[in-house]
Amino acid sequence: MPRLLFIPRVSVPFLAALLLAGCGVREMPSGIFDPYETANRETHAFNVALSGVLAGAAGGDSALPEPVLKVAANFAGNLGLPNKIFNSLLQGRVEPAVMNTLRLLVNTTFGVGGLFDAAGTSFGLPEHYTDFGETLYVWGVGEGAYIELPIIGPSTERDAFGRVIDVFIDPLGAVLTVHQHNKVRLIRLTGNTAGNLRYAGSVTAILNESADSYAQARLIYLQNRRFALGATSDEDVFDPYAQ
C-alpha cells in the first residue's frame, strides 16, 4: 500500500545549523534543495485530494457563508498576534511588534474580541505577519530542504521546525491555564481552517491547471517565502520551467 503521509526527518546538517543559530550569516538561497521529492510527492497527492474536498465543501449548499468564515479567521488571527509580537521582538524588530500590539488592542476592543478587523478597516493597521521560521532566518539558520507536510502543505525544514517552536513559545501560555490554552489552540486551528476554506477553490484551480502541480506548489511557496523574508531580485528565486 503506498504511503500517503510522510514527514521527513530533519537532517543532521540542519540540526547543526540550529545549534549555530545566532552566529550565522543570513543568506537567501537561489535554488531548490529537495532530497525528499519522492515522499513529498506522495504527501502532495494527499494534500491535493484534501484541497479538492475542501473546495467542494466551500462551494456546497451546506457550506458556511463567506462572512462566517471571515469572522472565524479574524478571531483566530487576533489570538495569534501575541505570538507574532513575541517573534518580532526576538528578531529585534520593534516597529512591527508595536504595530501588531496596537492591532491586538484595537481588534480586541473595537473589533469585539477580534471577530472583526477594525484595526485594518478603520484604523489602517495591517497585520505584520511573522513566525519562528522567520526568527530562525534572522538568527542565521539556513532554509534546509524543501518538504511538504500533510494538511499544512509546502514548507522547509527551517519553517517546519519553526512551527513546532511557535506552539511552545506562544505568550498566551504564560497567562492562561493549560486547559484554556488548549482551547485557544483549537480555536486558532478552526479559524485557520476557515481561512483556508475561503481560498480552497482558487488553490485547487491553480494546481489543477498546472502540468506538474507539485513543482508549481513548490515554486510558489519558495518564491513567496523568500520574497517575504527579503528576496529582492530574480537571482534569489529559481524557476524549474526555465531549464
C-alpha atoms as a PDB file:
ATOM      1  CA  MET A   1       0.000   0.000   0.000  1.00  0.00           C
ATOM      2  CA  PRO A   2       1.559   3.375  -0.964  1.00  0.00           C
ATOM      3  CA  ARG A   3       2.322   5.805   1.813  1.00  0.00           C
ATOM      4  CA  LEU A   4       0.186   8.956   1.733  1.00  0.00           C
ATOM      5  CA  LEU A   5       1.594  10.732   4.737  1.00  0.00           C
ATOM      6  CA  PHE A   6       5.268  11.363   5.233  1.00  0.00           C
ATOM      7  CA  ILE A   7       7.154  13.716   7.493  1.00  0.00           C
ATOM      8  CA  PRO A   8      10.862  13.515   6.651  1.00  0.00           C
ATOM      9  CA  ARG A   9      13.401  13.511   9.429  1.00  0.00           C
ATOM     10  CA  VAL A  10      15.255  16.750   9.924  1.00  0.00           C
ATOM     11  CA  SER A  11      18.738  16.286   8.515  1.00  0.00           C
ATOM     12  CA  VAL A  12      21.826  16.247  10.728  1.00  0.00           C
ATOM     13  CA  PRO A  13      23.344  19.282   8.959  1.00  0.00           C
ATOM     14  CA  PHE A  14      20.157  21.236   9.630  1.00  0.00           C
ATOM     15  CA  LEU A  15      20.249  20.356  13.326  1.00  0.00           C
ATOM     16  CA  ALA A  16      23.850  21.523  13.387  1.00  0.00           C
ATOM     17  CA  ALA A  17      22.754  24.782  11.829  1.00  0.00           C
ATOM     18  CA  LEU A  18      20.205  25.225  14.605  1.00  0.00           C
ATOM     19  CA  LEU A  19      22.927  24.811  17.214  1.00  0.00           C
ATOM     20  CA  LEU A  20      24.931  27.513  15.485  1.00  0.00           C
ATOM     21  CA  ALA A  21      21.971  29.884  15.258  1.00  0.00           C
ATOM     22  CA  GLY A  22      22.851  33.361  16.314  1.00  0.00           C
ATOM     23  CA  CYS A  23      26.354  33.237  14.893  1.00  0.00           C
ATOM     24  CA  GLY A  24      25.335  32.585  11.276  1.00  0.00           C
ATOM     25  CA  VAL A  25      25.054  34.980   8.374  1.00  0.00           C
ATOM     26  CA  ARG A  26      21.715  35.479   6.676  1.00  0.00           C
ATOM     27  CA  GLU A  27      21.818  34.193   3.109  1.00  0.00           C
ATOM     28  CA  MET A  28      18.967  33.896   0.633  1.00  0.00           C
ATOM     29  CA  PRO A  29      19.195  30.599  -1.307  1.00  0.00           C
ATOM     30  CA  SER A  30      18.665  30.738  -5.058  1.00  0.00           C
ATOM     31  CA  GLY A  31      17.997  27.093  -5.933  1.00  0.00           C
ATOM     32  CA  ILE A  32      15.758  24.238  -4.875  1.00  0.00           C
ATOM     33  CA  PHE A  33      17.055  21.595  -2.479  1.00  0.00           C
ATOM     34  CA  ASP A  34      14.518  18.769  -2.489  1.00  0.00           C
ATOM     35  CA  PRO A  35      16.115  15.462  -1.410  1.00  0.00           C
ATOM     36  CA  TYR A  36      12.726  14.179  -0.199  1.00  0.00           C
ATOM     37  CA  GLU A  37      10.941  14.699  -3.528  1.00  0.00           C
ATOM     38  CA  THR A  38       9.614  11.154  -3.894  1.00  0.00           C
ATOM     39  CA  ALA A  39       7.991  11.147  -0.456  1.00  0.00           C
ATOM     40  CA  ASN A  40       6.992  14.810  -0.847  1.00  0.00           C
ATOM     41  CA  ARG A  41       5.049  13.960  -3.992  1.00  0.00           C
ATOM     42  CA  GLU A  42       3.106  11.269  -2.113  1.00  0.00           C
ATOM     43  CA  THR A  43       2.162  13.784   0.555  1.00  0.00           C
ATOM     44  CA  HIS A  44       1.330  16.331  -2.130  1.00  0.00           C
ATOM     45  CA  ALA A  45      -1.102  13.891  -3.754  1.00  0.00           C
ATOM     46  CA  PHE A  46      -2.883  13.535  -0.411  1.00  0.00           C
ATOM     47  CA  ASN A  47      -2.966  17.319   0.099  1.00  0.00           C
ATOM     48  CA  VAL A  48      -4.348  17.942  -3.394  1.00  0.00           C
ATOM     49  CA  ALA A  49      -7.113  15.411  -2.781  1.00  0.00           C
ATOM     50  CA  LEU A  50      -7.895  17.085   0.546  1.00  0.00           C
ATOM     51  CA  SER A  51      -7.893  20.512  -1.082  1.00  0.00           C
ATOM     52  CA  GLY A  52     -10.420  19.238  -3.596  1.00  0.00           C
ATOM     53  CA  VAL A  53     -12.677  18.046  -0.781  1.00  0.00           C
ATOM     54  CA  LEU A  54     -12.385  21.425   0.956  1.00  0.00           C
ATOM     55  CA  ALA A  55     -13.128  23.238  -2.287  1.00  0.00           C
ATOM     56  CA  GLY A  56     -16.248  21.130  -2.687  1.00  0.00           C
ATOM     57  CA  ALA A  57     -17.280  21.889   0.894  1.00  0.00           C
ATOM     58  CA  ALA A  58     -16.703  25.593   0.340  1.00  0.00           C
ATOM     59  CA  GLY A  59     -18.930  25.559  -2.714  1.00  0.00           C
ATOM     60  CA  GLY A  60     -21.597  23.179  -1.495  1.00  0.00           C
ATOM     61  CA  ASP A  61     -25.112  24.003  -0.352  1.00  0.00           C
ATOM     62  CA  SER A  62     -24.252  23.261   3.272  1.00  0.00           C
ATOM     63  CA  ALA A  63     -21.134  25.429   3.258  1.00  0.00           C
ATOM     64  CA  LEU A  64     -20.760  28.176   5.798  1.00  0.00           C
ATOM     65  CA  PRO A  65     -21.316  31.604   4.251  1.00  0.00           C
ATOM     66  CA  GLU A  66     -18.298  33.787   3.477  1.00  0.00           C
ATOM     67  CA  PRO A  67     -18.963  36.272   6.342  1.00  0.00           C
ATOM     68  CA  VAL A  68     -18.932  33.434   8.898  1.00  0.00           C
ATOM     69  CA  LEU A  69     -15.643  32.061   7.553  1.00  0.00           C
ATOM     70  CA  LYS A  70     -14.148  35.555   7.598  1.00  0.00           C
ATOM     71  CA  VAL A  71     -15.203  36.188  11.219  1.00  0.00           C
ATOM     72  CA  ALA A  72     -13.753  32.840  12.309  1.00  0.00           C
ATOM     73  CA  ALA A  73     -10.471  33.619  10.521  1.00  0.00           C
ATOM     74  CA  ASN A  74     -10.383  37.114  12.086  1.00  0.00           C
ATOM     75  CA  PHE A  75     -10.850  35.713  15.588  1.00  0.00           C
ATOM     76  CA  ALA A  76      -8.121  33.116  15.114  1.00  0.00           C
ATOM     77  CA  GLY A  77      -5.800  35.747  13.652  1.00  0.00           C
ATOM     78  CA  ASN A  78      -6.306  38.017  16.639  1.00  0.00           C
ATOM     79  CA  LEU A  79      -5.399  35.196  19.022  1.00  0.00           C
ATOM     80  CA  GLY A  80      -2.230  34.620  17.000  1.00  0.00           C
ATOM     81  CA  LEU A  81      -0.994  38.219  17.332  1.00  0.00           C
ATOM     82  CA  PRO A  82       0.794  37.762  20.710  1.00  0.00           C
ATOM     83  CA  ASN A  83       2.985  35.113  19.080  1.00  0.00           C
ATOM     84  CA  LYS A  84       3.799  37.435  16.181  1.00  0.00           C
ATOM     85  CA  ILE A  85       4.636  40.253  18.590  1.00  0.00           C
ATOM     86  CA  PHE A  86       6.992  37.995  20.518  1.00  0.00           C
ATOM     87  CA  ASN A  87       8.720  36.782  17.360  1.00  0.00           C
ATOM     88  CA  SER A  88       9.242  40.356  16.161  1.00  0.00           C
ATOM     89  CA  LEU A  89      10.936  41.152  19.473  1.00  0.00           C
ATOM     90  CA  LEU A  90      13.123  38.048  19.161  1.00  0.00           C
ATOM     91  CA  GLN A  91      14.156  39.357  15.747  1.00  0.00           C
ATOM     92  CA  GLY A  92      14.990  42.784  17.162  1.00  0.00           C
ATOM     93  CA  ARG A  93      12.241  44.414  15.092  1.00  0.00           C
ATOM     94  CA  VAL A  94      10.421  46.841  17.351  1.00  0.00           C
ATOM     95  CA  GLU A  95       8.191  48.599  14.813  1.00  0.00           C
ATOM     96  CA  PRO A  96       6.177  45.539  13.665  1.00  0.00           C
ATOM     97  CA  ALA A  97       5.902  44.448  17.313  1.00  0.00           C
ATOM     98  CA  VAL A  98       4.398  47.844  18.218  1.00  0.00           C
ATOM     99  CA  MET A  99       2.064  47.833  15.190  1.00  0.00           C
ATOM    100  CA  ASN A 100       0.784  44.330  15.972  1.00  0.00           C
ATOM    101  CA  THR A 101       0.330  45.313  19.622  1.00  0.00           C
ATOM    102  CA  LEU A 102      -1.824  48.255  18.567  1.00  0.00           C
ATOM    103  CA  ARG A 103      -3.704  45.962  16.200  1.00  0.00           C
ATOM    104  CA  LEU A 104      -4.331  43.482  19.029  1.00  0.00           C
ATOM    105  CA  LEU A 105      -5.647  46.214  21.322  1.00  0.00           C
ATOM    106  CA  VAL A 106      -7.909  47.757  18.669  1.00  0.00           C
ATOM    107  CA  ASN A 107      -9.378  44.488  17.425  1.00  0.00           C
ATOM    108  CA  THR A 108      -9.882  43.119  20.926  1.00  0.00           C
ATOM    109  CA  THR A 109     -11.854  46.239  21.914  1.00  0.00           C
ATOM    110  CA  PHE A 110     -13.437  47.838  18.848  1.00  0.00           C
ATOM    111  CA  GLY A 111     -13.409  44.559  16.922  1.00  0.00           C
ATOM    112  CA  VAL A 112     -15.480  42.736  19.555  1.00  0.00           C
ATOM    113  CA  GLY A 113     -12.757  40.416  20.781  1.00  0.00           C
ATOM    114  CA  GLY A 114     -11.212  40.099  17.338  1.00  0.00           C
ATOM    115  CA  LEU A 115     -14.311  38.970  15.455  1.00  0.00           C
ATOM    116  CA  PHE A 116     -13.971  41.972  13.158  1.00  0.00           C
ATOM    117  CA  ASP A 117     -10.867  43.589  11.692  1.00  0.00           C
ATOM    118  CA  ALA A 118     -11.476  47.108  12.979  1.00  0.00           C
ATOM    119  CA  ALA A 119      -7.730  47.775  13.056  1.00  0.00           C
ATOM    120  CA  GLY A 120      -7.368  47.180   9.342  1.00  0.00           C
ATOM    121  CA  THR A 121     -10.606  48.648   8.040  1.00  0.00           C
ATOM    122  CA  SER A 122     -10.965  51.697  10.307  1.00  0.00           C
ATOM    123  CA  PHE A 123      -7.520  52.444  11.725  1.00  0.00           C
ATOM    124  CA  GLY A 124      -5.184  51.482   8.887  1.00  0.00           C
ATOM    125  CA  LEU A 125      -3.243  48.956  10.949  1.00  0.00           C
ATOM    126  CA  PRO A 126      -2.472  45.925   8.747  1.00  0.00           C
ATOM    127  CA  GLU A 127      -1.122  42.737  10.289  1.00  0.00           C
ATOM    128  CA  HIS A 128       2.636  42.254  10.186  1.00  0.00           C
ATOM    129  CA  TYR A 129       2.976  38.516   9.690  1.00  0.00           C
ATOM    130  CA  THR A 130       5.932  36.692  11.139  1.00  0.00           C
ATOM    131  CA  ASP A 131       6.724  33.369  12.778  1.00  0.00           C
ATOM    132  CA  PHE A 132       9.587  31.499  14.389  1.00  0.00           C
ATOM    133  CA  GLY A 133      10.699  30.278  10.979  1.00  0.00           C
ATOM    134  CA  GLU A 134      11.478  33.904  10.151  1.00  0.00           C
ATOM    135  CA  THR A 135      13.123  34.330  13.538  1.00  0.00           C
ATOM    136  CA  LEU A 136      15.451  31.451  12.694  1.00  0.00           C
ATOM    137  CA  TYR A 137      16.230  33.131   9.362  1.00  0.00           C
ATOM    138  CA  VAL A 138      17.098  36.372  11.146  1.00  0.00           C
ATOM    139  CA  TRP A 139      19.356  34.414  13.500  1.00  0.00           C
ATOM    140  CA  GLY A 140      21.220  32.963  10.527  1.00  0.00           C
ATOM    141  CA  VAL A 141      19.707  29.474  10.227  1.00  0.00           C
ATOM    142  CA  GLY A 142      19.645  28.137   6.672  1.00  0.00           C
ATOM    143  CA  GLU A 143      16.486  27.213   4.801  1.00  0.00           C
ATOM    144  CA  GLY A 144      17.220  23.481   4.764  1.00  0.00           C
ATOM    145  CA  ALA A 145      15.455  21.055   2.461  1.00  0.00           C
ATOM    146  CA  TYR A 146      12.042  21.639   0.925  1.00  0.00           C
ATOM    147  CA  ILE A 147       9.341  19.446   2.447  1.00  0.00           C
ATOM    148  CA  GLU A 148       5.589  19.113   2.036  1.00  0.00           C
ATOM    149  CA  LEU A 149       3.724  18.453   5.257  1.00  0.00           C
ATOM    150  CA  PRO A 150       0.412  16.600   5.493  1.00  0.00           C
ATOM    151  CA  ILE A 151      -2.542  19.012   5.587  1.00  0.00           C
ATOM    152  CA  ILE A 152      -0.250  22.020   6.227  1.00  0.00           C
ATOM    153  CA  GLY A 153       1.329  21.829   2.786  1.00  0.00           C
ATOM    154  CA  PRO A 154       4.598  23.267   1.415  1.00  0.00           C
ATOM    155  CA  SER A 155       7.344  24.132   3.895  1.00  0.00           C
ATOM    156  CA  THR A 156      11.072  23.864   4.504  1.00  0.00           C
ATOM    157  CA  GLU A 157      12.994  22.203   7.321  1.00  0.00           C
ATOM    158  CA  ARG A 158      13.531  25.578   8.947  1.00  0.00           C
ATOM    159  CA  ASP A 159       9.883  26.596   8.697  1.00  0.00           C
ATOM    160  CA  ALA A 160       8.619  23.197   9.856  1.00  0.00           C
ATOM    161  CA  PHE A 161      10.851  23.366  12.922  1.00  0.00           C
ATOM    162  CA  GLY A 162       9.653  26.935  13.469  1.00  0.00           C
ATOM    163  CA  ARG A 163       6.033  25.780  13.511  1.00  0.00           C
ATOM    164  CA  VAL A 164       6.820  23.375  16.333  1.00  0.00           C
ATOM    165  CA  ILE A 165       8.615  26.030  18.371  1.00  0.00           C
ATOM    166  CA  ASP A 166       5.780  28.523  17.821  1.00  0.00           C
ATOM    167  CA  VAL A 167       3.484  26.137  19.684  1.00  0.00           C
ATOM    168  CA  PHE A 168       5.707  26.258  22.769  1.00  0.00           C
ATOM    169  CA  ILE A 169       6.621  29.955  22.829  1.00  0.00           C
ATOM    170  CA  ASP A 170       3.086  31.313  22.487  1.00  0.00           C
ATOM    171  CA  PRO A 171       2.887  34.100  25.126  1.00  0.00           C
ATOM    172  CA  LEU A 172      -0.728  33.209  25.849  1.00  0.00           C
ATOM    173  CA  GLY A 173       0.552  30.049  27.501  1.00  0.00           C
ATOM    174  CA  ALA A 174       2.092  32.194  30.245  1.00  0.00           C
ATOM    175  CA  VAL A 175      -1.207  33.844  31.210  1.00  0.00           C
ATOM    176  CA  LEU A 176      -3.697  31.031  30.586  1.00  0.00           C
ATOM    177  CA  THR A 177      -4.167  27.678  32.226  1.00  0.00           C
ATOM    178  CA  VAL A 178      -3.257  24.595  30.215  1.00  0.00           C
ATOM    179  CA  HIS A 179      -6.942  23.884  29.628  1.00  0.00           C
ATOM    180  CA  GLN A 180      -7.617  27.443  28.478  1.00  0.00           C
ATOM    181  CA  HIS A 181      -4.555  27.463  26.232  1.00  0.00           C
ATOM    182  CA  ASN A 182      -5.626  24.204  24.599  1.00  0.00           C
ATOM    183  CA  LYS A 183      -8.996  25.816  23.850  1.00  0.00           C
ATOM    184  CA  VAL A 184      -7.211  28.759  22.257  1.00  0.00           C
ATOM    185  CA  ARG A 185      -5.153  26.380  20.114  1.00  0.00           C
ATOM    186  CA  LEU A 186      -8.333  24.620  18.982  1.00  0.00           C
ATOM    187  CA  ILE A 187      -9.983  27.951  18.140  1.00  0.00           C
ATOM    188  CA  ARG A 188      -6.932  29.047  16.158  1.00  0.00           C
ATOM    189  CA  LEU A 189      -6.843  25.741  14.287  1.00  0.00           C
ATOM    190  CA  THR A 190     -10.546  26.031  13.479  1.00  0.00           C
ATOM    191  CA  GLY A 191     -10.175  29.646  12.408  1.00  0.00           C
ATOM    192  CA  ASN A 192      -7.176  28.906  10.223  1.00  0.00           C
ATOM    193  CA  THR A 193      -9.143  26.088   8.609  1.00  0.00           C
ATOM    194  CA  ALA A 194     -11.977  28.535   7.946  1.00  0.00           C
ATOM    195  CA  GLY A 195      -9.479  30.880   6.328  1.00  0.00           C
ATOM    196  CA  ASN A 196      -8.197  28.054   4.135  1.00  0.00           C
ATOM    197  CA  LEU A 197     -11.754  27.191   3.108  1.00  0.00           C
ATOM    198  CA  ARG A 198     -12.179  30.713   1.719  1.00  0.00           C
ATOM    199  CA  TYR A 199      -9.369  30.127  -0.785  1.00  0.00           C
ATOM    200  CA  ALA A 200      -9.578  26.357  -1.306  1.00  0.00           C
ATOM    201  CA  GLY A 201     -11.297  26.751  -4.658  1.00  0.00           C
ATOM    202  CA  SER A 202      -8.651  29.135  -6.004  1.00  0.00           C
ATOM    203  CA  VAL A 203      -5.788  26.946  -4.797  1.00  0.00           C
ATOM    204  CA  THR A 204      -7.316  23.843  -6.349  1.00  0.00           C
ATOM    205  CA  ALA A 205      -7.868  25.646  -9.656  1.00  0.00           C
ATOM    206  CA  ILE A 206      -4.232  26.781  -9.828  1.00  0.00           C
ATOM    207  CA  LEU A 207      -2.923  23.302  -9.094  1.00  0.00           C
ATOM    208  CA  ASN A 208      -5.309  21.589 -11.499  1.00  0.00           C
ATOM    209  CA  GLU A 209      -4.269  23.898 -14.339  1.00  0.00           C
ATOM    210  CA  SER A 210      -0.590  23.087 -13.866  1.00  0.00           C
ATOM    211  CA  ALA A 211       1.153  20.311 -15.792  1.00  0.00           C
ATOM    212  CA  ASP A 212       3.055  19.436 -12.611  1.00  0.00           C
ATOM    213  CA  SER A 213       1.117  20.642  -9.585  1.00  0.00           C
ATOM    214  CA  TYR A 214       3.873  19.540  -7.194  1.00  0.00           C
ATOM    215  CA  ALA A 215       6.567  21.606  -8.926  1.00  0.00           C
ATOM    216  CA  GLN A 216       4.141  24.526  -9.176  1.00  0.00           C
ATOM    217  CA  ALA A 217       3.255  24.416  -5.466  1.00  0.00           C
ATOM    218  CA  ARG A 218       6.931  24.148  -4.544  1.00  0.00           C
ATOM    219  CA  LEU A 219       7.870  27.077  -6.781  1.00  0.00           C
ATOM    220  CA  ILE A 220       5.067  29.308  -5.483  1.00  0.00           C
ATOM    221  CA  TYR A 221       5.890  28.568  -1.862  1.00  0.00           C
ATOM    222  CA  LEU A 222       9.645  29.097  -2.125  1.00  0.00           C
ATOM    223  CA  GLN A 223       9.308  32.294  -4.157  1.00  0.00           C
ATOM    224  CA  ASN A 224       6.677  33.791  -1.854  1.00  0.00           C
ATOM    225  CA  ARG A 225       8.512  32.762   1.308  1.00  0.00           C
ATOM    226  CA  ARG A 226      11.862  34.064   0.112  1.00  0.00           C
ATOM    227  CA  PHE A 227      10.251  37.327  -1.008  1.00  0.00           C
ATOM    228  CA  ALA A 228       8.608  37.716   2.411  1.00  0.00           C
ATOM    229  CA  LEU A 229      11.971  37.166   4.083  1.00  0.00           C
ATOM    230  CA  GLY A 230      13.692  39.768   1.943  1.00  0.00           C
ATOM    231  CA  ALA A 231      14.449  38.438  -1.546  1.00  0.00           C
ATOM    232  CA  THR A 232      14.863  41.491  -3.745  1.00  0.00           C
ATOM    233  CA  SER A 233      15.701  40.173  -7.205  1.00  0.00           C
ATOM    234  CA  ASP A 234      15.126  37.318  -9.614  1.00  0.00           C
ATOM    235  CA  GLU A 235      18.545  35.981  -8.631  1.00  0.00           C
ATOM    236  CA  ASP A 236      17.057  34.901  -5.308  1.00  0.00           C
ATOM    237  CA  VAL A 237      14.463  32.603  -6.871  1.00  0.00           C
ATOM    238  CA  PHE A 238      14.560  29.605  -9.176  1.00  0.00           C
ATOM    239  CA  ASP A 239      12.178  28.702 -11.983  1.00  0.00           C
ATOM    240  CA  PRO A 240      12.293  24.986 -12.878  1.00  0.00           C
ATOM    241  CA  TYR A 241      10.349  25.649 -16.089  1.00  0.00           C
ATOM    242  CA  ALA A 242      13.143  27.906 -17.383  1.00  0.00           C
ATOM    243  CA  GLN A 243      15.572  24.990 -17.700  1.00  0.00           C
END
